[in-house]
């Protein structure tokens, strides 16, 4: 009986802490919390060798996949709140030919094939950027992420994220294009990068 009461007490404390952190996030107040670390397990291109650009352009083209997991010993969940991308290309690609950048999070509980981008079909990849149009400027893009849509467990397995581009109908078809994820802001109120 004591173990059951202790577990309930811990669960109530965890829920109260999560509610407090959510309120702190909304208020923008800085709070000192224990350090949280993410370990990058994988960062690789998932772009196709050739992208067919039609009369209306091309949408939902998977460009980069990365997998992270906790690098610390904290219990509970963490989230990613933004990521910074750097455009990579063959030297002649015009960044304005990318009309939107989206980020998807793989919901592992619904994963058909873990670590495989499903082209935004809604099977298990959830769009988590904050909506609106996100583009490159000067070769860099900062994508705000909705932290309420990408919570994953500390101590759990790795979480997959996908960066996806939409292209105009005039996008160059004779050059390489991709991106690197140069920083990720994560944790309660963005305590880590």
N, C-alpha and C. Protein backbone atom coordinates (compact mmCIF):
# COMPACT_ATOMS: atom_id res chain seq x y z
N UNK A 1 0.82 -1.19 0.00
CA UNK A 1 0.00 0.00 0.00
C UNK A 1 0.87 1.25 0.00
N UNK A 2 1.97 1.22 0.73
CA UNK A 2 2.85 2.37 0.78
C UNK A 2 3.44 2.68 -0.58
N UNK A 3 3.85 1.63 -1.34
CA UNK A 3 4.39 1.83 -2.68
C UNK A 3 3.36 2.48 -3.59
N UNK A 4 2.10 2.05 -3.49
CA UNK A 4 1.04 2.62 -4.31
C UNK A 4 0.84 4.11 -4.00
N UNK A 5 0.86 4.45 -2.71
CA UNK A 5 0.71 5.86 -2.33
C UNK A 5 1.91 6.68 -2.78
N UNK A 6 3.10 6.11 -2.69
CA UNK A 6 4.30 6.80 -3.12
C UNK A 6 4.26 7.06 -4.62
N UNK A 7 3.84 6.08 -5.42
CA UNK A 7 3.74 6.26 -6.87
C UNK A 7 2.73 7.34 -7.21
N UNK A 8 1.58 7.33 -6.50
CA UNK A 8 0.57 8.36 -6.76
C UNK A 8 1.11 9.73 -6.41
N UNK A 9 1.84 9.82 -5.31
CA UNK A 9 2.44 11.09 -4.92
C UNK A 9 3.43 11.59 -5.95
N UNK A 10 4.26 10.68 -6.48
CA UNK A 10 5.21 11.08 -7.52
C UNK A 10 4.49 11.51 -8.79
N UNK A 11 3.43 10.79 -9.15
CA UNK A 11 2.67 11.16 -10.35
C UNK A 11 2.04 12.54 -10.19
N UNK A 12 1.48 12.83 -9.01
CA UNK A 12 0.89 14.14 -8.76
C UNK A 12 1.95 15.23 -8.80
N UNK A 13 3.12 14.94 -8.23
CA UNK A 13 4.22 15.91 -8.25
C UNK A 13 4.67 16.17 -9.68
N UNK A 14 4.79 15.11 -10.48
CA UNK A 14 5.20 15.26 -11.88
C UNK A 14 4.19 16.10 -12.65
N UNK A 15 2.90 15.84 -12.45
CA UNK A 15 1.86 16.61 -13.14
C UNK A 15 1.90 18.07 -12.71
N UNK A 16 2.08 18.32 -11.42
CA UNK A 16 2.16 19.70 -10.93
C UNK A 16 3.38 20.41 -11.53
N UNK A 17 4.52 19.72 -11.61
CA UNK A 17 5.72 20.31 -12.19
C UNK A 17 5.52 20.62 -13.67
N UNK A 18 4.89 19.70 -14.40
CA UNK A 18 4.63 19.94 -15.82
C UNK A 18 3.69 21.13 -16.01
N UNK A 19 2.68 21.25 -15.17
CA UNK A 19 1.76 22.39 -15.28
C UNK A 19 2.49 23.69 -14.97
N UNK A 20 3.35 23.67 -13.95
CA UNK A 20 4.13 24.85 -13.60
C UNK A 20 5.05 25.24 -14.76
N UNK A 21 5.75 24.27 -15.35
CA UNK A 21 6.65 24.57 -16.46
C UNK A 21 5.89 25.12 -17.67
N UNK A 22 4.70 24.61 -17.91
CA UNK A 22 3.89 25.12 -19.01
C UNK A 22 3.52 26.58 -18.75
N UNK A 23 3.13 26.91 -17.53
CA UNK A 23 2.81 28.29 -17.20
C UNK A 23 4.04 29.18 -17.31
N UNK A 24 5.18 28.69 -16.88
CA UNK A 24 6.42 29.45 -17.01
C UNK A 24 6.72 29.69 -18.48
N UNK A 25 6.54 28.65 -19.32
CA UNK A 25 6.77 28.78 -20.76
C UNK A 25 5.88 29.88 -21.34
N UNK A 26 4.61 29.87 -20.96
CA UNK A 26 3.67 30.87 -21.48
C UNK A 26 4.02 32.28 -20.99
N UNK A 27 4.52 32.41 -19.78
CA UNK A 27 4.80 33.73 -19.23
C UNK A 27 6.15 34.28 -19.66
N UNK A 28 7.04 33.41 -20.13
CA UNK A 28 8.35 33.87 -20.58
C UNK A 28 9.32 34.13 -19.44
N UNK A 29 8.99 33.72 -18.22
CA UNK A 29 9.86 33.93 -17.06
C UNK A 29 10.99 32.91 -17.10
N UNK A 30 12.20 33.38 -16.86
CA UNK A 30 13.36 32.49 -16.84
C UNK A 30 13.43 31.78 -15.49
N UNK A 31 13.64 30.47 -15.54
CA UNK A 31 13.77 29.66 -14.34
C UNK A 31 15.01 28.80 -14.49
N UNK A 32 15.81 28.71 -13.44
CA UNK A 32 16.98 27.85 -13.49
C UNK A 32 16.56 26.42 -13.18
N UNK A 33 16.84 25.53 -14.10
CA UNK A 33 16.51 24.12 -13.95
C UNK A 33 17.77 23.30 -14.14
N UNK A 34 17.74 22.04 -13.69
CA UNK A 34 18.91 21.20 -13.92
C UNK A 34 19.19 21.08 -15.42
N UNK A 35 20.46 20.94 -15.75
CA UNK A 35 20.86 20.85 -17.15
C UNK A 35 20.23 19.64 -17.82
N UNK A 36 19.82 19.83 -19.05
CA UNK A 36 19.30 18.74 -19.86
C UNK A 36 20.19 18.63 -21.09
N UNK A 37 20.43 17.44 -21.53
CA UNK A 37 21.29 17.22 -22.69
C UNK A 37 20.57 16.35 -23.70
N UNK A 38 20.74 16.67 -24.97
CA UNK A 38 20.27 15.81 -26.04
C UNK A 38 21.48 15.18 -26.72
N UNK A 39 21.35 13.94 -27.08
CA UNK A 39 22.38 13.26 -27.86
C UNK A 39 21.85 13.08 -29.27
N UNK A 40 22.60 13.57 -30.25
CA UNK A 40 22.21 13.37 -31.64
C UNK A 40 22.66 11.96 -32.03
N UNK A 41 21.70 11.12 -32.35
CA UNK A 41 22.01 9.75 -32.75
C UNK A 41 22.29 9.65 -34.24
N UNK A 42 21.59 10.51 -35.00
CA UNK A 42 21.72 10.43 -36.45
C UNK A 42 21.30 11.76 -37.06
N UNK A 43 21.97 12.15 -38.12
CA UNK A 43 21.63 13.34 -38.89
C UNK A 43 22.02 13.00 -40.33
N UNK A 44 21.02 12.78 -41.18
CA UNK A 44 21.36 12.37 -42.55
C UNK A 44 20.34 12.86 -43.55
N UNK A 45 20.78 12.89 -44.79
CA UNK A 45 19.92 13.30 -45.89
C UNK A 45 18.94 12.18 -46.22
N UNK A 46 17.69 12.56 -46.45
CA UNK A 46 16.70 11.61 -46.95
C UNK A 46 16.15 12.11 -48.28
N UNK A 47 16.82 13.11 -48.87
CA UNK A 47 16.37 13.69 -50.13
C UNK A 47 16.49 12.66 -51.25
N UNK A 48 15.52 12.65 -52.14
CA UNK A 48 15.64 11.75 -53.29
C UNK A 48 16.76 12.20 -54.22
N UNK A 49 17.25 11.28 -55.02
CA UNK A 49 18.32 11.61 -55.98
C UNK A 49 17.83 12.65 -56.97
N UNK A 50 16.58 12.56 -57.36
CA UNK A 50 15.99 13.50 -58.31
C UNK A 50 14.61 13.91 -57.81
N UNK A 51 14.31 15.20 -57.89
CA UNK A 51 13.00 15.71 -57.47
C UNK A 51 12.25 16.15 -58.72
N UNK A 52 11.17 15.46 -59.06
CA UNK A 52 10.39 15.90 -60.23
C UNK A 52 9.62 17.18 -59.91
N UNK A 53 9.93 18.24 -60.63
CA UNK A 53 9.27 19.53 -60.43
C UNK A 53 8.17 19.66 -61.48
N UNK A 54 6.92 19.68 -61.02
CA UNK A 54 5.79 19.77 -61.94
C UNK A 54 5.37 21.20 -62.19
N UNK A 55 4.25 21.37 -62.87
CA UNK A 55 3.74 22.70 -63.19
C UNK A 55 3.40 23.51 -61.95
N UNK A 56 3.05 22.84 -60.87
CA UNK A 56 2.72 23.54 -59.62
C UNK A 56 3.84 23.42 -58.60
N UNK A 57 5.00 22.91 -59.00
CA UNK A 57 6.12 22.75 -58.09
C UNK A 57 6.14 21.34 -57.51
N UNK A 58 6.75 21.20 -56.37
CA UNK A 58 6.82 19.91 -55.67
C UNK A 58 6.64 20.19 -54.19
N UNK A 59 5.80 19.40 -53.54
CA UNK A 59 5.53 19.62 -52.12
C UNK A 59 5.85 18.38 -51.31
N UNK A 60 6.19 18.62 -50.04
CA UNK A 60 6.39 17.52 -49.11
C UNK A 60 7.61 16.66 -49.40
N UNK A 61 8.69 17.27 -49.88
CA UNK A 61 9.89 16.50 -50.21
C UNK A 61 10.77 16.39 -48.96
N UNK A 62 10.93 15.18 -48.46
CA UNK A 62 11.78 14.93 -47.30
C UNK A 62 13.23 15.26 -47.64
N UNK A 63 13.88 16.07 -46.81
CA UNK A 63 15.25 16.50 -47.07
C UNK A 63 16.23 15.94 -46.04
N UNK A 64 15.91 16.08 -44.76
CA UNK A 64 16.83 15.67 -43.70
C UNK A 64 16.07 14.97 -42.59
N UNK A 65 16.71 13.94 -42.04
CA UNK A 65 16.16 13.24 -40.87
C UNK A 65 17.19 13.32 -39.76
N UNK A 66 16.73 13.58 -38.54
CA UNK A 66 17.65 13.44 -37.43
C UNK A 66 16.93 12.77 -36.26
N UNK A 67 17.73 12.06 -35.48
CA UNK A 67 17.21 11.30 -34.36
C UNK A 67 17.96 11.75 -33.11
N UNK A 68 17.21 12.02 -32.06
CA UNK A 68 17.81 12.45 -30.79
C UNK A 68 17.24 11.62 -29.65
N UNK A 69 17.97 11.61 -28.56
CA UNK A 69 17.46 11.05 -27.31
C UNK A 69 18.12 11.80 -26.17
N UNK A 70 17.62 11.55 -24.98
CA UNK A 70 18.19 12.27 -23.84
C UNK A 70 19.65 11.85 -23.64
N UNK A 71 20.44 12.81 -23.19
CA UNK A 71 21.82 12.52 -22.87
C UNK A 71 22.06 12.63 -21.39
N UNK A 72 21.00 12.74 -20.60
CA UNK A 72 21.13 12.92 -19.16
C UNK A 72 20.36 11.87 -18.41
N UNK A 73 20.23 12.09 -17.14
CA UNK A 73 19.58 11.11 -16.28
C UNK A 73 18.26 11.61 -15.70
N UNK A 74 17.72 12.69 -16.26
CA UNK A 74 16.46 13.22 -15.74
C UNK A 74 15.30 12.33 -16.12
N UNK A 75 14.26 12.34 -15.28
CA UNK A 75 13.04 11.62 -15.60
C UNK A 75 12.06 12.60 -16.22
N UNK A 76 11.06 12.08 -16.92
CA UNK A 76 10.03 12.93 -17.48
C UNK A 76 10.22 13.15 -18.97
N UNK A 77 9.55 14.18 -19.47
CA UNK A 77 9.54 14.46 -20.90
C UNK A 77 10.40 15.68 -21.21
N UNK A 78 10.79 15.81 -22.48
CA UNK A 78 11.39 17.03 -22.97
C UNK A 78 10.79 17.34 -24.32
N UNK A 79 11.00 18.53 -24.82
CA UNK A 79 10.49 18.94 -26.11
C UNK A 79 11.54 19.75 -26.85
N UNK A 80 11.33 19.89 -28.15
CA UNK A 80 12.15 20.79 -28.96
C UNK A 80 11.28 22.00 -29.28
N UNK A 81 11.82 23.21 -29.10
CA UNK A 81 11.02 24.42 -29.32
C UNK A 81 11.43 25.20 -30.56
N UNK A 82 12.64 24.96 -31.10
CA UNK A 82 13.02 25.57 -32.37
C UNK A 82 14.25 24.87 -32.92
N UNK A 83 14.47 25.03 -34.21
CA UNK A 83 15.69 24.53 -34.82
C UNK A 83 16.14 25.53 -35.88
N UNK A 84 17.46 25.60 -36.04
CA UNK A 84 18.06 26.48 -37.04
C UNK A 84 18.65 25.62 -38.14
N UNK A 85 18.33 25.98 -39.38
CA UNK A 85 18.80 25.24 -40.55
C UNK A 85 19.74 26.10 -41.37
N UNK A 86 20.68 25.44 -42.00
CA UNK A 86 21.59 26.10 -42.94
C UNK A 86 21.41 25.43 -44.29
N UNK A 87 21.14 26.23 -45.32
CA UNK A 87 20.93 25.70 -46.67
C UNK A 87 22.25 25.22 -47.25
N UNK A 88 22.24 24.03 -47.82
CA UNK A 88 23.40 23.52 -48.56
C UNK A 88 22.95 23.30 -50.00
N UNK A 89 23.81 23.69 -50.93
CA UNK A 89 23.43 23.53 -52.33
C UNK A 89 24.67 23.38 -53.20
N UNK A 90 24.45 23.17 -54.47
CA UNK A 90 25.54 23.01 -55.43
C UNK A 90 26.12 24.33 -55.90
N UNK A 91 25.73 25.43 -55.27
CA UNK A 91 26.30 26.72 -55.60
C UNK A 91 25.44 27.61 -56.47
N UNK A 92 24.46 27.04 -57.16
CA UNK A 92 23.63 27.86 -58.05
C UNK A 92 22.15 27.84 -57.69
N UNK A 93 21.77 27.12 -56.64
CA UNK A 93 20.37 27.04 -56.26
C UNK A 93 19.94 28.36 -55.63
N UNK A 94 18.76 28.84 -55.99
CA UNK A 94 18.22 30.10 -55.46
C UNK A 94 17.27 29.75 -54.30
N UNK A 95 17.59 30.25 -53.11
CA UNK A 95 16.83 29.86 -51.92
C UNK A 95 15.36 30.23 -51.99
N UNK A 96 15.01 31.25 -52.78
CA UNK A 96 13.60 31.64 -52.90
C UNK A 96 12.78 30.60 -53.66
N UNK A 97 13.44 29.62 -54.26
CA UNK A 97 12.70 28.53 -54.93
C UNK A 97 12.17 27.50 -53.94
N UNK A 98 12.54 27.65 -52.67
CA UNK A 98 11.95 26.84 -51.60
C UNK A 98 10.84 27.69 -51.00
N UNK A 99 9.59 27.27 -51.20
CA UNK A 99 8.45 28.10 -50.81
C UNK A 99 8.00 27.85 -49.37
N UNK A 100 8.41 26.74 -48.77
CA UNK A 100 8.03 26.48 -47.38
C UNK A 100 8.95 25.38 -46.84
N UNK A 101 9.21 25.48 -45.54
CA UNK A 101 9.97 24.46 -44.81
C UNK A 101 9.07 23.99 -43.69
N UNK A 102 8.89 22.69 -43.59
CA UNK A 102 8.07 22.13 -42.51
C UNK A 102 8.91 21.12 -41.73
N UNK A 103 8.50 20.89 -40.48
CA UNK A 103 9.18 19.90 -39.64
C UNK A 103 8.13 18.94 -39.11
N UNK A 104 8.45 17.66 -39.20
CA UNK A 104 7.57 16.60 -38.71
C UNK A 104 8.26 15.83 -37.59
N UNK A 105 7.46 15.36 -36.65
CA UNK A 105 7.92 14.52 -35.54
C UNK A 105 7.26 13.17 -35.70
N UNK A 106 8.03 12.12 -35.54
CA UNK A 106 7.47 10.77 -35.67
C UNK A 106 6.90 10.32 -34.34
N UNK A 107 5.62 10.08 -34.34
CA UNK A 107 4.94 9.53 -33.17
C UNK A 107 5.23 8.04 -33.14
N UNK A 108 6.16 7.63 -32.27
CA UNK A 108 6.59 6.23 -32.26
C UNK A 108 5.47 5.27 -31.93
N UNK A 109 4.47 5.73 -31.16
CA UNK A 109 3.39 4.83 -30.80
C UNK A 109 2.53 4.46 -32.01
N UNK A 110 2.62 5.27 -33.08
CA UNK A 110 1.82 4.99 -34.28
C UNK A 110 2.69 4.65 -35.48
N UNK A 111 3.99 4.47 -35.25
CA UNK A 111 4.92 4.27 -36.36
C UNK A 111 4.63 2.99 -37.11
N UNK A 112 4.46 3.12 -38.45
CA UNK A 112 4.37 1.94 -39.30
C UNK A 112 5.76 1.36 -39.47
N UNK A 113 6.67 2.17 -39.99
CA UNK A 113 8.08 1.80 -40.11
C UNK A 113 8.87 2.89 -39.39
N UNK A 114 9.47 2.52 -38.27
CA UNK A 114 10.18 3.51 -37.47
C UNK A 114 11.32 4.13 -38.27
N UNK A 115 11.43 5.47 -38.20
CA UNK A 115 12.51 6.18 -38.86
C UNK A 115 12.29 6.39 -40.34
N UNK A 116 11.07 6.20 -40.83
CA UNK A 116 10.77 6.38 -42.25
C UNK A 116 9.74 7.49 -42.42
N UNK A 117 10.13 8.56 -43.11
CA UNK A 117 9.20 9.67 -43.37
C UNK A 117 8.10 9.18 -44.29
N UNK A 118 6.84 9.41 -43.90
CA UNK A 118 5.71 8.91 -44.68
C UNK A 118 5.06 9.99 -45.54
N UNK A 119 5.85 11.01 -45.92
CA UNK A 119 5.38 12.06 -46.82
C UNK A 119 4.19 12.83 -46.26
N UNK A 120 4.16 12.99 -44.93
CA UNK A 120 3.12 13.81 -44.31
C UNK A 120 1.73 13.26 -44.47
N UNK A 121 1.63 11.96 -44.70
CA UNK A 121 0.30 11.39 -44.95
C UNK A 121 -0.51 11.22 -43.68
N UNK A 122 0.07 11.56 -42.55
CA UNK A 122 -0.68 11.49 -41.31
C UNK A 122 -0.67 10.13 -40.66
N UNK A 123 0.06 9.17 -41.20
CA UNK A 123 0.10 7.84 -40.60
C UNK A 123 0.76 7.92 -39.23
N UNK A 124 1.96 8.46 -39.18
CA UNK A 124 2.64 8.58 -37.89
C UNK A 124 3.53 9.81 -37.81
N UNK A 125 3.64 10.61 -38.85
CA UNK A 125 4.47 11.80 -38.82
C UNK A 125 3.56 13.02 -38.65
N UNK A 126 3.83 13.77 -37.58
CA UNK A 126 2.97 14.88 -37.20
C UNK A 126 3.71 16.18 -37.48
N UNK A 127 3.07 17.09 -38.24
CA UNK A 127 3.69 18.39 -38.49
C UNK A 127 3.73 19.17 -37.19
N UNK A 128 4.93 19.64 -36.80
CA UNK A 128 5.08 20.27 -35.49
C UNK A 128 5.60 21.71 -35.56
N UNK A 129 5.91 22.22 -36.78
CA UNK A 129 6.29 23.63 -36.82
C UNK A 129 5.06 24.44 -36.47
N UNK A 130 5.24 25.72 -36.18
CA UNK A 130 4.13 26.52 -35.66
C UNK A 130 3.16 27.00 -36.72
N UNK A 131 3.26 26.49 -37.92
CA UNK A 131 2.36 26.90 -38.98
C UNK A 131 2.89 28.13 -39.69
N UNK A 132 2.17 28.58 -40.69
CA UNK A 132 2.66 29.70 -41.48
C UNK A 132 3.72 29.23 -42.46
N UNK A 133 4.32 30.18 -43.14
CA UNK A 133 5.34 29.88 -44.14
C UNK A 133 6.71 30.13 -43.53
N UNK A 134 7.60 29.15 -43.65
CA UNK A 134 8.97 29.27 -43.16
C UNK A 134 9.90 29.15 -44.36
N UNK A 135 10.82 30.10 -44.51
CA UNK A 135 11.73 30.09 -45.65
C UNK A 135 13.14 30.46 -45.20
N UNK A 136 14.09 30.30 -46.12
CA UNK A 136 15.47 30.68 -45.87
C UNK A 136 15.65 32.17 -46.15
N UNK A 137 16.56 32.77 -45.41
CA UNK A 137 16.98 34.14 -45.66
C UNK A 137 18.48 34.19 -45.41
N UNK A 138 19.24 34.49 -46.45
CA UNK A 138 20.69 34.49 -46.31
C UNK A 138 21.25 33.12 -46.02
N UNK A 139 20.54 32.08 -46.47
CA UNK A 139 21.01 30.71 -46.29
C UNK A 139 20.69 30.10 -44.94
N UNK A 140 19.91 30.83 -44.10
CA UNK A 140 19.57 30.34 -42.77
C UNK A 140 18.06 30.44 -42.56
N UNK A 141 17.52 29.49 -41.82
CA UNK A 141 16.11 29.52 -41.44
C UNK A 141 15.99 29.07 -39.99
N UNK A 142 15.21 29.82 -39.20
CA UNK A 142 14.90 29.41 -37.83
C UNK A 142 13.44 28.98 -37.84
N UNK A 143 13.22 27.72 -37.50
CA UNK A 143 11.87 27.17 -37.55
C UNK A 143 11.35 27.02 -36.12
N UNK A 144 10.31 27.79 -35.73
CA UNK A 144 9.73 27.61 -34.40
C UNK A 144 8.91 26.32 -34.36
N UNK A 145 9.07 25.59 -33.29
CA UNK A 145 8.41 24.30 -33.14
C UNK A 145 7.39 24.40 -32.01
N UNK A 146 6.22 23.81 -32.20
CA UNK A 146 5.21 23.77 -31.15
C UNK A 146 5.64 22.73 -30.12
N UNK A 147 6.09 23.16 -28.92
CA UNK A 147 6.59 22.19 -27.95
C UNK A 147 5.52 21.26 -27.40
N UNK A 148 4.26 21.60 -27.57
CA UNK A 148 3.19 20.73 -27.08
C UNK A 148 2.95 19.54 -27.99
N UNK A 149 3.57 19.52 -29.18
CA UNK A 149 3.34 18.44 -30.12
C UNK A 149 4.52 17.50 -30.30
N UNK A 150 5.60 17.65 -29.53
CA UNK A 150 6.74 16.76 -29.76
C UNK A 150 7.40 16.33 -28.46
N UNK A 151 6.60 16.00 -27.47
CA UNK A 151 7.13 15.57 -26.18
C UNK A 151 7.66 14.14 -26.29
N UNK A 152 8.86 13.93 -25.80
CA UNK A 152 9.39 12.57 -25.77
C UNK A 152 10.10 12.33 -24.45
N UNK A 153 10.17 11.07 -24.06
CA UNK A 153 10.66 10.67 -22.75
C UNK A 153 12.16 10.77 -22.61
N UNK A 154 12.61 11.33 -21.48
CA UNK A 154 14.00 11.17 -21.08
C UNK A 154 14.14 9.70 -20.68
N UNK A 155 15.18 9.09 -21.09
CA UNK A 155 15.40 7.69 -20.77
C UNK A 155 14.74 6.75 -21.76
N UNK A 156 13.98 7.29 -22.70
CA UNK A 156 13.35 6.46 -23.72
C UNK A 156 14.26 6.29 -24.93
N UNK A 157 13.72 5.72 -25.97
CA UNK A 157 14.49 5.56 -27.20
C UNK A 157 14.60 6.88 -27.92
N UNK A 158 15.22 6.86 -29.07
CA UNK A 158 15.40 8.07 -29.84
C UNK A 158 14.12 8.53 -30.50
N UNK A 159 14.00 9.84 -30.69
CA UNK A 159 12.86 10.43 -31.38
C UNK A 159 13.33 10.91 -32.75
N UNK A 160 12.52 10.67 -33.80
CA UNK A 160 12.87 11.08 -35.16
C UNK A 160 12.16 12.38 -35.53
N UNK A 161 12.89 13.26 -36.22
CA UNK A 161 12.35 14.50 -36.75
C UNK A 161 12.73 14.58 -38.23
N UNK A 162 11.85 15.16 -39.05
CA UNK A 162 12.08 15.27 -40.50
C UNK A 162 11.92 16.71 -40.95
N UNK A 163 12.85 17.20 -41.77
CA UNK A 163 12.76 18.52 -42.37
C UNK A 163 12.31 18.31 -43.82
N UNK A 164 11.27 19.05 -44.21
CA UNK A 164 10.61 18.86 -45.50
C UNK A 164 10.54 20.19 -46.23
N UNK A 165 10.80 20.17 -47.54
CA UNK A 165 10.73 21.39 -48.36
C UNK A 165 9.59 21.29 -49.36
N UNK A 166 9.04 22.48 -49.71
CA UNK A 166 8.18 22.65 -50.88
C UNK A 166 8.95 23.52 -51.87
N UNK A 167 8.85 23.21 -53.16
CA UNK A 167 9.58 23.93 -54.20
C UNK A 167 8.63 24.60 -55.18
N UNK A 168 9.07 25.73 -55.76
CA UNK A 168 8.30 26.39 -56.81
C UNK A 168 8.40 25.58 -58.10
N UNK A 169 7.57 25.92 -59.05
CA UNK A 169 7.62 25.24 -60.35
C UNK A 169 8.86 25.63 -61.15
N UNK A 170 9.52 26.72 -60.76
CA UNK A 170 10.72 27.16 -61.49
C UNK A 170 12.01 26.72 -60.80
N UNK A 171 11.92 25.84 -59.80
CA UNK A 171 13.12 25.40 -59.07
C UNK A 171 14.12 24.74 -60.01
N UNK A 172 15.39 25.05 -59.80
CA UNK A 172 16.46 24.49 -60.63
C UNK A 172 16.50 22.98 -60.47
N UNK A 173 16.60 22.30 -61.57
CA UNK A 173 16.65 20.84 -61.53
C UNK A 173 18.05 20.30 -61.83
N UNK A 174 19.01 21.19 -61.96
CA UNK A 174 20.37 20.74 -62.32
C UNK A 174 21.38 21.02 -61.21
N UNK A 175 20.92 21.20 -59.99
CA UNK A 175 21.83 21.47 -58.88
C UNK A 175 21.40 20.68 -57.65
N UNK A 176 22.32 20.53 -56.71
CA UNK A 176 22.01 19.85 -55.45
C UNK A 176 21.47 20.85 -54.45
N UNK A 177 20.59 20.39 -53.58
CA UNK A 177 20.06 21.23 -52.51
C UNK A 177 19.76 20.35 -51.30
N UNK A 178 19.96 20.91 -50.13
CA UNK A 178 19.69 20.21 -48.89
C UNK A 178 19.82 21.18 -47.73
N UNK A 179 19.91 20.65 -46.53
CA UNK A 179 20.11 21.52 -45.37
C UNK A 179 20.81 20.75 -44.26
N UNK A 180 21.44 21.52 -43.40
CA UNK A 180 22.02 20.98 -42.18
C UNK A 180 21.29 21.61 -41.01
N UNK A 181 21.07 20.85 -39.98
CA UNK A 181 20.49 21.37 -38.75
C UNK A 181 21.67 21.86 -37.91
N UNK A 182 21.77 23.17 -37.74
CA UNK A 182 22.93 23.73 -37.05
C UNK A 182 22.70 23.94 -35.55
N UNK A 183 21.45 24.04 -35.11
CA UNK A 183 21.18 24.10 -33.68
C UNK A 183 19.74 23.70 -33.40
N UNK A 184 19.53 23.20 -32.20
CA UNK A 184 18.20 22.79 -31.73
C UNK A 184 18.03 23.35 -30.33
N UNK A 185 16.92 24.04 -30.08
CA UNK A 185 16.60 24.53 -28.74
C UNK A 185 15.60 23.55 -28.14
N UNK A 186 15.88 23.11 -26.92
CA UNK A 186 15.06 22.06 -26.33
C UNK A 186 14.97 22.25 -24.83
N UNK A 187 14.13 21.44 -24.22
CA UNK A 187 13.99 21.42 -22.77
C UNK A 187 12.98 22.42 -22.29
N UNK A 188 12.78 22.44 -20.99
CA UNK A 188 11.83 23.35 -20.38
C UNK A 188 12.28 24.78 -20.62
N UNK A 189 11.43 25.57 -21.23
CA UNK A 189 11.71 26.97 -21.56
C UNK A 189 12.99 27.14 -22.37
N UNK A 190 13.33 26.13 -23.19
CA UNK A 190 14.48 26.23 -24.06
C UNK A 190 15.79 26.32 -23.31
N UNK A 191 16.01 25.43 -22.32
CA UNK A 191 17.21 25.52 -21.51
C UNK A 191 18.46 25.00 -22.21
N UNK A 192 18.34 24.32 -23.33
CA UNK A 192 19.52 23.80 -24.00
C UNK A 192 19.52 24.06 -25.47
N UNK A 193 20.71 24.11 -26.06
CA UNK A 193 20.85 24.20 -27.51
C UNK A 193 21.95 23.28 -27.97
